[in-house]
C-alpha atoms as a PDB file:
ATOM      1  CA  UNK A   1       0.063   0.010   0.025  1.00  0.00           C
ATOM      2  CA  UNK A   2       1.386   3.390  -0.960  1.00  0.00           C
ATOM      3  CA  UNK A   3       1.975   6.153   1.545  1.00  0.00           C
ATOM      4  CA  UNK A   4      -0.673   8.340  -0.153  1.00  0.00           C
ATOM      5  CA  UNK A   5      -3.253   5.502   0.186  1.00  0.00           C
ATOM      6  CA  UNK A   6      -2.319   4.936   3.804  1.00  0.00           C
ATOM      7  CA  UNK A   7      -2.839   8.582   4.689  1.00  0.00           C
ATOM      8  CA  UNK A   8      -6.274   8.542   2.931  1.00  0.00           C
ATOM      9  CA  UNK A   9      -7.190   5.451   4.849  1.00  0.00           C
ATOM     10  CA  UNK A  10      -6.205   7.000   8.188  1.00  0.00           C
ATOM     11  CA  UNK A  11      -8.125  10.123   7.396  1.00  0.00           C
ATOM     12  CA  UNK A  12     -11.246   8.121   6.493  1.00  0.00           C
ATOM     13  CA  UNK A  13     -11.068   6.237   9.771  1.00  0.00           C
ATOM     14  CA  UNK A  14     -10.723   9.256  12.016  1.00  0.00           C
ATOM     15  CA  UNK A  15     -13.932  10.050  13.829  1.00  0.00           C
ATOM     16  CA  UNK A  16     -15.305  13.539  14.457  1.00  0.00           C
ATOM     17  CA  UNK A  17     -14.859  12.887  18.154  1.00  0.00           C
ATOM     18  CA  UNK A  18     -11.201  11.993  17.624  1.00  0.00           C
ATOM     19  CA  UNK A  19     -10.613  15.283  15.703  1.00  0.00           C
ATOM     20  CA  UNK A  20     -12.489  17.297  18.344  1.00  0.00           C
ATOM     21  CA  UNK A  21     -10.418  15.707  21.165  1.00  0.00           C
ATOM     22  CA  UNK A  22      -7.182  16.323  19.325  1.00  0.00           C
ATOM     23  CA  UNK A  23      -7.927  20.032  18.715  1.00  0.00           C
ATOM     24  CA  UNK A  24      -8.996  20.518  22.359  1.00  0.00           C
ATOM     25  CA  UNK A  25      -5.752  18.925  23.466  1.00  0.00           C
ATOM     26  CA  UNK A  26      -3.702  21.022  20.909  1.00  0.00           C
ATOM     27  CA  UNK A  27      -5.322  24.493  20.920  1.00  0.00           C
ATOM     28  CA  UNK A  28      -2.176  25.901  19.223  1.00  0.00           C
ATOM     29  CA  UNK A  29      -2.416  23.493  16.311  1.00  0.00           C
ATOM     30  CA  UNK A  30      -3.540  26.105  13.774  1.00  0.00           C
ATOM     31  CA  UNK A  31      -0.838  28.509  15.006  1.00  0.00           C
ATOM     32  CA  UNK A  32       1.653  25.906  14.022  1.00  0.00           C
ATOM     33  CA  UNK A  33      -0.068  25.346  10.680  1.00  0.00           C
ATOM     34  CA  UNK A  34      -1.233  28.803   9.568  1.00  0.00           C
ATOM     35  CA  UNK A  35      -1.487  27.768   5.863  1.00  0.00           C
ATOM     36  CA  UNK A  36      -4.006  25.129   6.750  1.00  0.00           C
ATOM     37  CA  UNK A  37      -6.094  27.577   8.805  1.00  0.00           C
ATOM     38  CA  UNK A  38      -6.405  29.822   5.734  1.00  0.00           C
ATOM     39  CA  UNK A  39      -7.783  27.042   3.609  1.00  0.00           C
ATOM     40  CA  UNK A  40     -10.592  26.015   5.957  1.00  0.00           C
ATOM     41  CA  UNK A  41     -14.040  27.243   4.892  1.00  0.00           C
ATOM     42  CA  UNK A  42     -17.281  27.137   6.877  1.00  0.00           C
ATOM     43  CA  UNK A  43     -20.803  27.856   5.548  1.00  0.00           C
ATOM     44  CA  UNK A  44     -22.237  31.267   6.506  1.00  0.00           C
ATOM     45  CA  UNK A  45     -25.826  31.927   7.287  1.00  0.00           C
ATOM     46  CA  UNK A  46     -26.160  33.782   4.087  1.00  0.00           C
ATOM     47  CA  UNK A  47     -25.021  30.673   2.165  1.00  0.00           C
ATOM     48  CA  UNK A  48     -21.534  31.960   1.262  1.00  0.00           C
ATOM     49  CA  UNK A  49     -18.405  30.534   2.676  1.00  0.00           C
ATOM     50  CA  UNK A  50     -16.289  32.174   5.397  1.00  0.00           C
ATOM     51  CA  UNK A  51     -12.893  31.261   6.747  1.00  0.00           C
ATOM     52  CA  UNK A  52     -12.503  29.622  10.144  1.00  0.00           C
ATOM     53  CA  UNK A  53     -10.895  32.844  11.409  1.00  0.00           C
ATOM     54  CA  UNK A  54     -13.944  34.883  10.409  1.00  0.00           C
ATOM     55  CA  UNK A  55     -16.236  32.318  12.124  1.00  0.00           C
ATOM     56  CA  UNK A  56     -14.120  32.497  15.239  1.00  0.00           C
ATOM     57  CA  UNK A  57     -14.339  36.310  15.207  1.00  0.00           C
ATOM     58  CA  UNK A  58     -18.090  36.019  14.736  1.00  0.00           C
ATOM     59  CA  UNK A  59     -18.353  33.606  17.750  1.00  0.00           C
ATOM     60  CA  UNK A  60     -16.258  35.789  19.972  1.00  0.00           C
ATOM     61  CA  UNK A  61     -18.430  38.819  19.065  1.00  0.00           C
ATOM     62  CA  UNK A  62     -21.560  36.851  20.027  1.00  0.00           C
ATOM     63  CA  UNK A  63     -19.961  35.844  23.324  1.00  0.00           C
ATOM     64  CA  UNK A  64     -18.965  39.468  23.877  1.00  0.00           C
ATOM     65  CA  UNK A  65     -22.555  40.657  23.309  1.00  0.00           C
ATOM     66  CA  UNK A  66     -23.840  37.935  25.637  1.00  0.00           C
ATOM     67  CA  UNK A  67     -21.362  38.969  28.370  1.00  0.00           C
ATOM     68  CA  UNK A  68     -22.358  42.642  27.821  1.00  0.00           C
ATOM     69  CA  UNK A  69     -26.029  41.831  28.341  1.00  0.00           C
ATOM     70  CA  UNK A  70     -25.170  39.849  31.496  1.00  0.00           C
ATOM     71  CA  UNK A  71     -23.120  42.757  32.781  1.00  0.00           C
ATOM     72  CA  UNK A  72     -25.972  45.180  32.144  1.00  0.00           C
ATOM     73  CA  UNK A  73     -28.393  42.918  33.965  1.00  0.00           C
ATOM     74  CA  UNK A  74     -25.990  42.685  36.947  1.00  0.00           C
ATOM     75  CA  UNK A  75     -25.579  46.449  37.019  1.00  0.00           C
ATOM     76  CA  UNK A  76     -29.383  46.910  36.881  1.00  0.00           C
ATOM     77  CA  UNK A  77     -29.882  44.440  39.749  1.00  0.00           C
ATOM     78  CA  UNK A  78     -27.277  46.337  41.834  1.00  0.00           C
ATOM     79  CA  UNK A  79     -29.062  49.671  41.054  1.00  0.00           C
ATOM     80  CA  UNK A  80     -32.471  48.208  41.911  1.00  0.00           C
ATOM     81  CA  UNK A  81     -30.937  46.900  45.236  1.00  0.00           C
ATOM     82  CA  UNK A  82     -29.643  50.326  46.052  1.00  0.00           C
ATOM     83  CA  UNK A  83     -33.100  51.791  45.495  1.00  0.00           C
ATOM     84  CA  UNK A  84     -34.703  49.067  47.647  1.00  0.00           C
ATOM     85  CA  UNK A  85     -32.148  49.656  50.432  1.00  0.00           C
ATOM     86  CA  UNK A  86     -32.951  53.346  50.404  1.00  0.00           C
ATOM     87  CA  UNK A  87     -36.652  52.579  50.592  1.00  0.00           C
ATOM     88  CA  UNK A  88     -36.198  50.181  53.529  1.00  0.00           C
ATOM     89  CA  UNK A  89     -34.005  52.858  55.256  1.00  0.00           C
ATOM     90  CA  UNK A  90     -36.702  55.467  54.831  1.00  0.00           C
ATOM     91  CA  UNK A  91     -39.415  53.084  55.971  1.00  0.00           C
ATOM     92  CA  UNK A  92     -37.360  52.321  59.103  1.00  0.00           C
ATOM     93  CA  UNK A  93     -37.079  55.972  59.953  1.00  0.00           C
ATOM     94  CA  UNK A  94     -40.797  56.556  59.412  1.00  0.00           C
ATOM     95  CA  UNK A  95     -41.695  53.626  61.714  1.00  0.00           C
ATOM     96  CA  UNK A  96     -39.250  54.683  64.427  1.00  0.00           C
ATOM     97  CA  UNK A  97     -40.864  58.149  64.488  1.00  0.00           C
ATOM     98  CA  UNK A  98     -44.398  56.725  64.986  1.00  0.00           C
ATOM     99  CA  UNK A  99     -45.438  57.086  68.601  1.00  0.00           C
ATOM    100  CA  UNK A 100     -48.577  54.900  68.668  1.00  0.00           C
ATOM    101  CA  UNK A 101     -50.418  52.244  66.632  1.00  0.00           C
ATOM    102  CA  UNK A 102     -52.445  54.708  64.608  1.00  0.00           C
ATOM    103  CA  UNK A 103     -49.380  56.747  63.494  1.00  0.00           C
ATOM    104  CA  UNK A 104     -47.513  53.515  62.742  1.00  0.00           C
ATOM    105  CA  UNK A 105     -50.296  52.275  60.391  1.00  0.00           C
ATOM    106  CA  UNK A 106     -50.417  55.697  58.764  1.00  0.00           C
ATOM    107  CA  UNK A 107     -46.647  55.529  58.247  1.00  0.00           C
ATOM    108  CA  UNK A 108     -46.864  52.092  56.677  1.00  0.00           C
ATOM    109  CA  UNK A 109     -49.655  53.219  54.352  1.00  0.00           C
ATOM    110  CA  UNK A 110     -47.659  56.221  53.211  1.00  0.00           C
ATOM    111  CA  UNK A 111     -44.465  54.235  52.676  1.00  0.00           C
ATOM    112  CA  UNK A 112     -46.183  51.565  50.694  1.00  0.00           C
ATOM    113  CA  UNK A 113     -47.974  54.003  48.408  1.00  0.00           C
ATOM    114  CA  UNK A 114     -45.283  56.604  47.879  1.00  0.00           C
ATOM    115  CA  UNK A 115     -41.973  54.687  48.550  1.00  0.00           C
ATOM    116  CA  UNK A 116     -42.966  51.427  46.908  1.00  0.00           C
ATOM    117  CA  UNK A 117     -45.247  52.750  44.166  1.00  0.00           C
ATOM    118  CA  UNK A 118     -48.250  50.629  44.990  1.00  0.00           C
ATOM    119  CA  UNK A 119     -51.376  51.209  42.918  1.00  0.00           C
ATOM    120  CA  UNK A 120     -53.396  49.588  45.610  1.00  0.00           C
ATOM    121  CA  UNK A 121     -52.471  48.254  49.027  1.00  0.00           C
ATOM    122  CA  UNK A 122     -54.205  46.609  52.003  1.00  0.00           C
ATOM    123  CA  UNK A 123     -52.945  45.620  55.393  1.00  0.00           C
ATOM    124  CA  UNK A 124     -54.951  42.984  57.279  1.00  0.00           C
ATOM    125  CA  UNK A 125     -54.436  42.631  61.000  1.00  0.00           C
ATOM    126  CA  UNK A 126     -55.969  39.767  63.049  1.00  0.00           C
ATOM    127  CA  UNK A 127     -57.939  40.763  66.099  1.00  0.00           C
ATOM    128  CA  UNK A 128     -61.093  42.345  67.374  1.00  0.00           C
ATOM    129  CA  UNK A 129     -62.069  45.179  65.004  1.00  0.00           C
ATOM    130  CA  UNK A 130     -63.446  47.277  67.877  1.00  0.00           C
ATOM    131  CA  UNK A 131     -59.793  47.630  69.190  1.00  0.00           C
ATOM    132  CA  UNK A 132     -58.917  49.604  66.086  1.00  0.00           C
ATOM    133  CA  UNK A 133     -61.720  52.160  66.068  1.00  0.00           C
ATOM    134  CA  UNK A 134     -59.289  55.051  66.147  1.00  0.00           C
ATOM    135  CA  UNK A 135     -57.464  53.968  62.956  1.00  0.00           C
ATOM    136  CA  UNK A 136     -58.472  55.939  59.908  1.00  0.00           C
ATOM    137  CA  UNK A 137     -56.469  55.271  56.807  1.00  0.00           C
ATOM    138  CA  UNK A 138     -59.333  54.510  54.365  1.00  0.00           C
ATOM    139  CA  UNK A 139     -59.436  51.180  52.631  1.00  0.00           C
ATOM    140  CA  UNK A 140     -55.722  50.411  53.452  1.00  0.00           C
ATOM    141  CA  UNK A 141     -56.444  48.927  56.847  1.00  0.00           C
ATOM    142  CA  UNK A 142     -58.673  46.022  57.752  1.00  0.00           C
ATOM    143  CA  UNK A 143     -59.074  44.269  61.086  1.00  0.00           C
ATOM    144  CA  UNK A 144     -60.849  40.911  61.471  1.00  0.00           C
ATOM    145  CA  UNK A 145     -60.634  37.565  63.234  1.00  0.00           C
ATOM    146  CA  UNK A 146     -58.146  35.093  61.701  1.00  0.00           C
ATOM    147  CA  UNK A 147     -60.943  32.490  61.482  1.00  0.00           C
ATOM    148  CA  UNK A 148     -63.183  34.852  59.469  1.00  0.00           C
ATOM    149  CA  UNK A 149     -64.704  32.845  56.542  1.00  0.00           C
ATOM    150  CA  UNK A 150     -63.622  35.608  54.143  1.00  0.00           C
ATOM    151  CA  UNK A 151     -60.009  34.584  54.621  1.00  0.00           C
ATOM    152  CA  UNK A 152     -60.647  31.017  53.442  1.00  0.00           C
ATOM    153  CA  UNK A 153     -59.167  31.746  49.936  1.00  0.00           C
ATOM    154  CA  UNK A 154     -55.895  32.685  51.708  1.00  0.00           C
ATOM    155  CA  UNK A 155     -55.596  29.478  53.674  1.00  0.00           C
ATOM    156  CA  UNK A 156     -52.535  28.150  51.901  1.00  0.00           C
ATOM    157  CA  UNK A 157     -50.747  31.508  51.980  1.00  0.00           C
ATOM    158  CA  UNK A 158     -51.527  31.964  55.688  1.00  0.00           C
ATOM    159  CA  UNK A 159     -49.898  28.631  56.469  1.00  0.00           C
ATOM    160  CA  UNK A 160     -46.699  29.652  54.640  1.00  0.00           C
ATOM    161  CA  UNK A 161     -43.778  31.679  55.907  1.00  0.00           C
ATOM    162  CA  UNK A 162     -42.614  33.701  52.916  1.00  0.00           C
ATOM    163  CA  UNK A 163     -44.047  36.384  50.526  1.00  0.00           C
ATOM    164  CA  UNK A 164     -45.804  35.363  47.342  1.00  0.00           C
ATOM    165  CA  UNK A 165     -45.869  37.274  44.140  1.00  0.00           C
ATOM    166  CA  UNK A 166     -47.829  36.996  40.906  1.00  0.00           C
ATOM    167  CA  UNK A 167     -51.450  36.789  39.968  1.00  0.00           C
ATOM    168  CA  UNK A 168     -53.927  35.676  42.587  1.00  0.00           C
ATOM    169  CA  UNK A 169     -57.396  34.095  42.478  1.00  0.00           C
ATOM    170  CA  UNK A 170     -60.462  36.180  41.810  1.00  0.00           C
ATOM    171  CA  UNK A 171     -61.777  35.553  45.266  1.00  0.00           C
ATOM    172  CA  UNK A 172     -58.523  36.849  46.806  1.00  0.00           C
ATOM    173  CA  UNK A 173     -58.511  39.878  44.475  1.00  0.00           C
ATOM    174  CA  UNK A 174     -62.094  40.772  45.350  1.00  0.00           C
ATOM    175  CA  UNK A 175     -61.476  40.503  49.050  1.00  0.00           C
ATOM    176  CA  UNK A 176     -58.460  42.727  48.866  1.00  0.00           C
ATOM    177  CA  UNK A 177     -59.297  45.401  46.338  1.00  0.00           C
ATOM    178  CA  UNK A 178     -63.048  45.163  46.025  1.00  0.00           C
ATOM    179  CA  UNK A 179     -64.252  47.582  43.289  1.00  0.00           C
ATOM    180  CA  UNK A 180     -60.746  48.131  42.014  1.00  0.00           C
ATOM    181  CA  UNK A 181     -59.992  44.355  41.660  1.00  0.00           C
ATOM    182  CA  UNK A 182     -60.313  44.307  37.858  1.00  0.00           C
ATOM    183  CA  UNK A 183     -57.535  46.938  37.531  1.00  0.00           C
ATOM    184  CA  UNK A 184     -54.894  44.924  39.425  1.00  0.00           C
ATOM    185  CA  UNK A 185     -52.565  42.906  37.255  1.00  0.00           C
ATOM    186  CA  UNK A 186     -50.191  41.409  39.893  1.00  0.00           C
ATOM    187  CA  UNK A 187     -49.970  41.147  43.682  1.00  0.00           C
ATOM    188  CA  UNK A 188     -47.400  40.762  46.382  1.00  0.00           C
ATOM    189  CA  UNK A 189     -48.559  39.112  49.625  1.00  0.00           C
ATOM    190  CA  UNK A 190     -46.351  39.638  52.546  1.00  0.00           C
ATOM    191  CA  UNK A 191     -46.860  37.772  55.773  1.00  0.00           C
ATOM    192  CA  UNK A 192     -46.373  39.727  59.039  1.00  0.00           C
ATOM    193  CA  UNK A 193     -44.407  37.268  61.138  1.00  0.00           C
ATOM    194  CA  UNK A 194     -44.256  33.515  60.374  1.00  0.00           C
ATOM    195  CA  UNK A 195     -47.512  32.188  59.006  1.00  0.00           C
ATOM    196  CA  UNK A 196     -48.988  35.704  59.099  1.00  0.00           C
ATOM    197  CA  UNK A 197     -49.197  35.474  62.921  1.00  0.00           C
ATOM    198  CA  UNK A 198     -50.471  39.076  63.262  1.00  0.00           C
ATOM    199  CA  UNK A 199     -51.675  39.675  59.666  1.00  0.00           C
ATOM    200  CA  UNK A 200     -50.439  40.356  56.189  1.00  0.00           C
ATOM    201  CA  UNK A 201     -49.774  43.028  53.746  1.00  0.00           C
ATOM    202  CA  UNK A 202     -50.963  42.970  50.159  1.00  0.00           C
ATOM    203  CA  UNK A 203     -49.458  45.309  47.445  1.00  0.00           C
ATOM    204  CA  UNK A 204     -51.207  45.429  44.065  1.00  0.00           C
ATOM    205  CA  UNK A 205     -49.945  46.836  40.783  1.00  0.00           C
ATOM    206  CA  UNK A 206     -51.795  47.452  37.527  1.00  0.00           C
ATOM    207  CA  UNK A 207     -48.721  46.062  35.830  1.00  0.00           C
ATOM    208  CA  UNK A 208     -49.088  42.288  35.326  1.00  0.00           C
ATOM    209  CA  UNK A 209     -45.280  41.840  35.403  1.00  0.00           C
ATOM    210  CA  UNK A 210     -44.542  44.041  38.475  1.00  0.00           C
ATOM    211  CA  UNK A 211     -44.846  41.118  40.828  1.00  0.00           C
ATOM    212  CA  UNK A 212     -44.111  37.675  39.418  1.00  0.00           C
ATOM    213  CA  UNK A 213     -43.110  34.190  40.909  1.00  0.00           C
ATOM    214  CA  UNK A 214     -39.607  34.433  39.563  1.00  0.00           C
ATOM    215  CA  UNK A 215     -38.594  37.659  41.393  1.00  0.00           C
ATOM    216  CA  UNK A 216     -36.546  37.873  44.515  1.00  0.00           C
ATOM    217  CA  UNK A 217     -38.590  38.031  47.722  1.00  0.00           C
ATOM    218  CA  UNK A 218     -35.775  39.036  50.070  1.00  0.00           C
ATOM    219  CA  UNK A 219     -36.681  42.720  49.807  1.00  0.00           C
ATOM    220  CA  UNK A 220     -40.365  41.993  50.483  1.00  0.00           C
ATOM    221  CA  UNK A 221     -39.507  39.736  53.377  1.00  0.00           C
ATOM    222  CA  UNK A 222     -37.447  42.501  55.026  1.00  0.00           C
ATOM    223  CA  UNK A 223     -40.372  44.886  54.576  1.00  0.00           C
ATOM    224  CA  UNK A 224     -42.623  42.391  56.359  1.00  0.00           C
ATOM    225  CA  UNK A 225     -40.107  41.972  59.190  1.00  0.00           C
ATOM    226  CA  UNK A 226     -39.899  45.729  59.714  1.00  0.00           C
ATOM    227  CA  UNK A 227     -43.687  46.255  59.626  1.00  0.00           C
ATOM    228  CA  UNK A 228     -44.340  43.378  62.038  1.00  0.00           C
ATOM    229  CA  UNK A 229     -41.731  44.600  64.484  1.00  0.00           C
ATOM    230  CA  UNK A 230     -43.193  48.129  64.403  1.00  0.00           C
ATOM    231  CA  UNK A 231     -46.741  46.902  64.907  1.00  0.00           C
ATOM    232  CA  UNK A 232     -45.710  44.733  67.913  1.00  0.00           C
ATOM    233  CA  UNK A 233     -44.345  47.740  69.645  1.00  0.00           C
ATOM    234  CA  UNK A 234     -47.914  49.033  70.162  1.00  0.00           C
END
């Protein structure tokens, strides 16, 4: 068998995996064989052929764009966290300045609406409603017994320990926002203490994507901790 035929036979027997493993093990192969690199052609999306170098440049550009997008997302998350931290700080100051239960609830209502941009908000506290006769913050505040039948649609949430975000059932929406229920696109439900021991806070947005199951709930959990601690002072 001639040398030429032997070479052809070896090439025919090489598998794609073997070539792949060889190139991975020898990343400088084409540096040592620059003339070979120039002869390789790969199909382009347009149908024309491009050199391997051009394809590599294209791949690197795509990776660069992907990394750039990821960096922008990280920067945006950092900025959002700074904004959230400032809001929590402001809420803390407002709650510390409140001298009684009535002023505390007013401070919570103002913070939720102005600081957190809620289109609608409701805070439910468990207890005898007659104990809260001096509280006047409109529809924001509601007091009722934890066993009240109107809370049945929230049974699963009330048994949980963390905030929930997204769209809620019609019965829950109607309980929370009443005549404005049809305007609310997404809701954040925030327990006040574990399993909503003293109540819960509901923040509604007309934007269906404002609160969603995939978002971080750490910020909302901190808000719940602050509000619960402030309420327990009184």
